Amino acid sequence: MLDPTWYPRLDLSQVCDRFILWLSLHMAAAALIDYGIHANLARGQLLSVGWQVFVYFPMGAGEIFIYAMAYEAAFEVAPKEQKGDGIGL
């Protein structure tokens, strides 16, 4: 577990709780949409591809926030000589 003293504005337990809740809601939405796709195909109907927005939009938004936080943490925690390595990874 990360030491919370290096990033005092970040409450890691709160971030993890929100992440788990968001992930659970996201996976439930993906399961419901997948069920709808298969149920409609069994009846010979098609489902709009627009329903996949509910699956891919939160995933993309989550990646944006995670990468932004990871870059900020890498710049604040890394020693001066290794700040470039944080971007390379």
Protein backbone atom coordinates (compact mmCIF):
# COMPACT_ATOMS: atom_id res chain seq x y z
CA MET A 1 0.00 0.00 0.00
CA LEU A 2 1.21 3.48 -0.78
CA ASP A 3 2.27 5.76 2.01
CA PRO A 4 -0.41 8.51 2.12
CA THR A 5 2.04 11.09 3.49
CA TRP A 6 3.57 11.70 0.05
CA TYR A 7 0.23 12.83 -1.37
CA PRO A 8 -1.72 14.42 1.51
CA ARG A 9 -4.73 15.49 -0.59
CA LEU A 10 -5.44 11.89 -1.58
CA ASP A 11 -7.42 9.64 0.77
CA LEU A 12 -6.58 6.22 -0.67
CA SER A 13 -9.37 4.37 1.12
CA GLN A 14 -11.94 6.78 -0.31
CA VAL A 15 -10.45 6.48 -3.79
CA CYS A 16 -10.52 2.67 -3.60
CA ASP A 17 -14.13 2.64 -2.37
CA ARG A 18 -15.25 4.90 -5.20
CA PHE A 19 -13.26 2.90 -7.72
CA ILE A 20 -14.87 -0.37 -6.62
CA LEU A 21 -18.34 1.18 -6.72
CA TRP A 22 -17.74 2.70 -10.16
CA LEU A 23 -16.28 -0.55 -11.48
CA SER A 24 -19.23 -2.54 -10.16
CA LEU A 25 -21.77 -0.22 -11.79
CA HIS A 26 -19.81 -0.26 -15.02
CA MET A 27 -19.64 -4.05 -15.14
CA ALA A 28 -23.36 -4.35 -14.33
CA ALA A 29 -24.18 -1.99 -17.21
CA ALA A 30 -21.95 -3.99 -19.55
CA ALA A 31 -23.64 -7.25 -18.50
CA LEU A 32 -27.12 -5.80 -19.05
CA ILE A 33 -26.18 -4.46 -22.47
CA ASP A 34 -24.63 -7.79 -23.45
CA TYR A 35 -27.78 -9.58 -22.30
CA GLY A 36 -29.88 -7.17 -24.37
CA ILE A 37 -27.75 -7.79 -27.45
CA HIS A 38 -28.08 -11.56 -27.17
CA ALA A 39 -31.80 -11.45 -26.30
CA ASN A 40 -32.56 -9.24 -29.30
CA LEU A 41 -30.46 -11.39 -31.64
CA ALA A 42 -32.34 -14.49 -30.51
CA ARG A 43 -35.60 -12.75 -31.54
CA GLY A 44 -34.09 -11.64 -34.83
CA GLN A 45 -33.89 -7.96 -33.85
CA LEU A 46 -30.84 -5.75 -33.86
CA LEU A 47 -29.69 -3.47 -31.07
CA SER A 48 -28.16 -0.08 -31.84
CA VAL A 49 -24.41 0.16 -31.50
CA GLY A 50 -25.03 3.38 -29.54
CA TRP A 51 -25.72 1.31 -26.42
CA GLN A 52 -22.00 0.54 -26.24
CA VAL A 53 -21.40 4.16 -25.26
CA PHE A 54 -22.48 3.20 -21.74
CA VAL A 55 -19.65 0.66 -21.63
CA TYR A 56 -16.80 2.46 -23.39
CA PHE A 57 -17.32 6.06 -22.26
CA PRO A 58 -16.82 5.37 -18.51
CA MET A 59 -13.83 3.20 -19.33
CA GLY A 60 -12.19 5.98 -21.35
CA ALA A 61 -13.01 8.62 -18.76
CA GLY A 62 -11.55 6.43 -16.02
CA GLU A 63 -8.32 6.00 -17.95
CA ILE A 64 -7.99 9.77 -18.34
CA PHE A 65 -8.33 10.34 -14.59
CA ILE A 66 -6.05 7.46 -13.62
CA TYR A 67 -3.28 8.53 -16.00
CA ALA A 68 -3.49 12.15 -14.87
CA MET A 69 -3.21 11.13 -11.22
CA ALA A 70 -0.38 8.69 -11.97
CA TYR A 71 1.65 11.33 -13.82
CA GLU A 72 1.17 13.85 -11.03
CA ALA A 73 2.20 11.28 -8.43
CA ALA A 74 5.24 10.27 -10.49
CA PHE A 75 6.43 13.87 -10.74
CA GLU A 76 5.93 14.61 -7.04
CA VAL A 77 7.40 11.38 -5.67
CA ALA A 78 10.24 10.62 -8.07
CA PRO A 79 13.71 12.00 -7.42
CA LYS A 80 14.92 14.70 -9.79
CA GLU A 81 17.08 12.27 -11.75
CA GLN A 82 14.19 9.83 -12.39
CA LYS A 83 11.33 12.14 -13.38
CA GLY A 84 11.83 11.27 -17.05
CA ASP A 85 11.56 7.56 -16.26
CA GLY A 86 8.06 8.14 -14.89
CA ILE A 87 6.89 9.42 -18.26
CA GLY A 88 8.67 6.63 -20.10
CA LEU A 89 6.80 3.98 -18.18
